[in-house]
Amino acid sequence: MPNRTLRLNYPAALLRQPILQQLIRSFNVSVNIVRAQISLEEGWLEIDVEGAEGEIGRAQVWLESQGIEVLQID
């Protein structure tokens, strides 16, 4: 299955929201947290996402629609 590494930049308003839980429940993807840094003002996660290419793409669009900046690392 295809694998994509993404960096998710969270605004302060979303830091306490269960975004990854919603992502996993809504899309047929597996998520592995590689690195993370979270403070009171902002946070970022670097994750490996595995799944069908189309499903990963839909998940990425959904994350952006939630207000998360998504950068593809590879």
N, C-alpha and C. Protein backbone atom coordinates (compact mmCIF):
# COMPACT_ATOMS: atom_id res chain seq x y z
N MET A 1 0.83 -1.19 0.00
CA MET A 1 0.00 0.00 0.00
C MET A 1 0.88 1.25 0.00
N PRO A 2 0.40 2.28 -0.67
CA PRO A 2 1.16 3.53 -0.67
C PRO A 2 1.30 4.12 0.73
N ASN A 3 2.40 4.83 0.91
CA ASN A 3 2.71 5.45 2.19
C ASN A 3 3.12 6.89 1.91
N ARG A 4 2.63 7.82 2.72
CA ARG A 4 2.95 9.23 2.54
C ARG A 4 3.31 9.82 3.91
N THR A 5 4.37 10.62 3.97
CA THR A 5 4.73 11.31 5.21
C THR A 5 4.22 12.73 5.11
N LEU A 6 3.45 13.13 6.11
CA LEU A 6 2.84 14.46 6.14
C LEU A 6 3.23 15.18 7.41
N ARG A 7 3.37 16.49 7.30
CA ARG A 7 3.56 17.33 8.48
C ARG A 7 2.28 18.13 8.66
N LEU A 8 1.67 18.00 9.81
CA LEU A 8 0.42 18.68 10.13
C LEU A 8 0.70 19.83 11.08
N ASN A 9 0.43 21.05 10.65
CA ASN A 9 0.61 22.23 11.49
C ASN A 9 -0.76 22.66 12.02
N TYR A 10 -0.89 22.58 13.35
CA TYR A 10 -2.16 22.87 14.01
C TYR A 10 -2.19 24.30 14.53
N PRO A 11 -3.31 25.01 14.31
CA PRO A 11 -3.49 26.29 15.00
C PRO A 11 -3.91 26.02 16.46
N ALA A 12 -3.74 27.00 17.33
CA ALA A 12 -4.05 26.83 18.74
C ALA A 12 -5.48 26.35 18.98
N ALA A 13 -6.42 26.82 18.18
CA ALA A 13 -7.83 26.47 18.38
C ALA A 13 -8.12 24.98 18.19
N LEU A 14 -7.25 24.27 17.49
CA LEU A 14 -7.50 22.84 17.22
C LEU A 14 -6.66 21.89 18.05
N LEU A 15 -5.82 22.41 18.93
CA LEU A 15 -4.89 21.53 19.65
C LEU A 15 -5.59 20.50 20.53
N ARG A 16 -6.74 20.81 21.03
CA ARG A 16 -7.44 19.87 21.92
C ARG A 16 -8.52 19.06 21.21
N GLN A 17 -8.59 19.18 19.89
CA GLN A 17 -9.59 18.43 19.11
C GLN A 17 -9.03 17.06 18.72
N PRO A 18 -9.87 16.03 18.71
CA PRO A 18 -9.40 14.67 18.36
C PRO A 18 -9.31 14.46 16.84
N ILE A 19 -8.49 15.27 16.20
CA ILE A 19 -8.40 15.24 14.74
C ILE A 19 -7.92 13.90 14.21
N LEU A 20 -6.86 13.33 14.81
CA LEU A 20 -6.35 12.05 14.31
C LEU A 20 -7.36 10.93 14.51
N GLN A 21 -8.07 10.95 15.62
CA GLN A 21 -9.11 9.94 15.84
C GLN A 21 -10.18 10.03 14.75
N GLN A 22 -10.62 11.24 14.45
CA GLN A 22 -11.63 11.43 13.40
C GLN A 22 -11.08 10.99 12.04
N LEU A 23 -9.82 11.29 11.78
CA LEU A 23 -9.19 10.90 10.52
C LEU A 23 -9.21 9.38 10.34
N ILE A 24 -8.79 8.67 11.38
CA ILE A 24 -8.72 7.21 11.31
C ILE A 24 -10.10 6.59 11.19
N ARG A 25 -11.09 7.16 11.88
CA ARG A 25 -12.46 6.62 11.81
C ARG A 25 -13.15 6.92 10.48
N SER A 26 -12.79 8.04 9.87
CA SER A 26 -13.48 8.47 8.65
C SER A 26 -12.86 7.93 7.36
N PHE A 27 -11.59 7.56 7.41
CA PHE A 27 -10.88 7.12 6.20
C PHE A 27 -10.19 5.79 6.48
N ASN A 28 -10.04 5.01 5.44
CA ASN A 28 -9.41 3.69 5.57
C ASN A 28 -7.90 3.87 5.44
N VAL A 29 -7.29 4.46 6.48
CA VAL A 29 -5.85 4.70 6.51
C VAL A 29 -5.30 4.30 7.88
N SER A 30 -4.02 3.96 7.89
CA SER A 30 -3.28 3.73 9.13
C SER A 30 -2.38 4.93 9.35
N VAL A 31 -2.24 5.35 10.60
CA VAL A 31 -1.44 6.53 10.93
C VAL A 31 -0.41 6.16 11.98
N ASN A 32 0.83 6.58 11.75
CA ASN A 32 1.91 6.40 12.71
C ASN A 32 2.52 7.78 12.97
N ILE A 33 2.54 8.20 14.24
CA ILE A 33 3.15 9.48 14.59
C ILE A 33 4.65 9.29 14.68
N VAL A 34 5.38 10.04 13.86
CA VAL A 34 6.84 9.93 13.80
C VAL A 34 7.50 10.95 14.73
N ARG A 35 7.03 12.19 14.68
CA ARG A 35 7.56 13.27 15.53
C ARG A 35 6.41 14.21 15.86
N ALA A 36 6.56 14.93 16.96
CA ALA A 36 5.55 15.91 17.33
C ALA A 36 6.14 16.96 18.25
N GLN A 37 5.57 18.15 18.17
CA GLN A 37 5.90 19.21 19.12
C GLN A 37 4.62 20.01 19.33
N ILE A 38 4.23 20.15 20.60
CA ILE A 38 2.99 20.84 20.91
C ILE A 38 3.25 21.80 22.05
N SER A 39 2.76 23.04 21.88
CA SER A 39 2.83 24.04 22.95
C SER A 39 1.41 24.59 23.15
N LEU A 40 1.27 25.59 23.99
CA LEU A 40 -0.05 26.17 24.21
C LEU A 40 -0.54 26.97 23.00
N GLU A 41 0.38 27.47 22.19
CA GLU A 41 0.00 28.33 21.06
C GLU A 41 -0.10 27.61 19.72
N GLU A 42 0.65 26.53 19.56
CA GLU A 42 0.66 25.84 18.27
C GLU A 42 1.19 24.43 18.45
N GLY A 43 1.08 23.66 17.39
CA GLY A 43 1.63 22.32 17.44
C GLY A 43 1.80 21.76 16.04
N TRP A 44 2.65 20.77 15.93
CA TRP A 44 2.81 20.08 14.65
C TRP A 44 3.04 18.60 14.93
N LEU A 45 2.63 17.81 13.96
CA LEU A 45 2.86 16.37 13.97
C LEU A 45 3.45 15.98 12.64
N GLU A 46 4.38 15.06 12.65
CA GLU A 46 4.85 14.43 11.43
C GLU A 46 4.34 13.00 11.48
N ILE A 47 3.54 12.62 10.50
CA ILE A 47 2.91 11.31 10.52
C ILE A 47 3.18 10.56 9.22
N ASP A 48 3.24 9.25 9.32
CA ASP A 48 3.23 8.37 8.15
C ASP A 48 1.80 7.90 7.98
N VAL A 49 1.26 8.06 6.80
CA VAL A 49 -0.10 7.62 6.49
C VAL A 49 -0.02 6.53 5.44
N GLU A 50 -0.66 5.41 5.71
CA GLU A 50 -0.65 4.28 4.77
C GLU A 50 -2.08 3.95 4.39
N GLY A 51 -2.29 3.73 3.10
CA GLY A 51 -3.60 3.37 2.60
C GLY A 51 -3.60 3.51 1.08
N ALA A 52 -4.77 3.33 0.50
CA ALA A 52 -4.91 3.51 -0.94
C ALA A 52 -4.63 4.97 -1.28
N GLU A 53 -4.02 5.21 -2.43
CA GLU A 53 -3.63 6.56 -2.83
C GLU A 53 -4.80 7.54 -2.79
N GLY A 54 -5.94 7.13 -3.33
CA GLY A 54 -7.13 7.99 -3.32
C GLY A 54 -7.62 8.29 -1.92
N GLU A 55 -7.56 7.31 -1.05
CA GLU A 55 -8.01 7.49 0.33
C GLU A 55 -7.08 8.45 1.07
N ILE A 56 -5.78 8.33 0.84
CA ILE A 56 -4.82 9.26 1.47
C ILE A 56 -5.09 10.68 0.96
N GLY A 57 -5.34 10.83 -0.32
CA GLY A 57 -5.64 12.15 -0.88
C GLY A 57 -6.89 12.76 -0.28
N ARG A 58 -7.95 11.95 -0.13
CA ARG A 58 -9.19 12.45 0.49
C ARG A 58 -8.96 12.82 1.95
N ALA A 59 -8.15 12.03 2.65
CA ALA A 59 -7.84 12.34 4.04
C ALA A 59 -7.07 13.66 4.14
N GLN A 60 -6.16 13.90 3.22
CA GLN A 60 -5.38 15.14 3.22
C GLN A 60 -6.29 16.34 2.97
N VAL A 61 -7.21 16.23 2.03
CA VAL A 61 -8.16 17.31 1.75
C VAL A 61 -9.02 17.57 2.99
N TRP A 62 -9.47 16.52 3.65
CA TRP A 62 -10.28 16.67 4.85
C TRP A 62 -9.51 17.40 5.95
N LEU A 63 -8.24 17.03 6.18
CA LEU A 63 -7.43 17.71 7.18
C LEU A 63 -7.35 19.20 6.90
N GLU A 64 -7.12 19.55 5.64
CA GLU A 64 -7.04 20.97 5.26
C GLU A 64 -8.37 21.67 5.49
N SER A 65 -9.48 20.97 5.24
CA SER A 65 -10.80 21.57 5.46
C SER A 65 -11.08 21.81 6.94
N GLN A 66 -10.37 21.10 7.81
CA GLN A 66 -10.53 21.29 9.25
C GLN A 66 -9.69 22.46 9.77
N GLY A 67 -8.85 23.04 8.92
CA GLY A 67 -8.03 24.19 9.32
C GLY A 67 -6.58 23.83 9.64
N ILE A 68 -6.17 22.64 9.25
CA ILE A 68 -4.80 22.18 9.50
C ILE A 68 -3.98 22.37 8.22
N GLU A 69 -2.81 22.97 8.36
CA GLU A 69 -1.90 23.09 7.23
C GLU A 69 -1.22 21.74 7.03
N VAL A 70 -1.27 21.21 5.83
CA VAL A 70 -0.70 19.89 5.52
C VAL A 70 0.43 20.06 4.52
N LEU A 71 1.61 19.61 4.90
CA LEU A 71 2.77 19.64 4.02
C LEU A 71 3.21 18.21 3.75
N GLN A 72 3.38 17.86 2.48
CA GLN A 72 3.84 16.52 2.15
C GLN A 72 5.36 16.50 2.24
N ILE A 73 5.90 15.62 3.07
CA ILE A 73 7.36 15.51 3.26
C ILE A 73 7.97 14.68 2.14
N ASP A 74 7.33 13.59 1.77
CA ASP A 74 7.83 12.75 0.66
C ASP A 74 6.71 12.30 -0.22
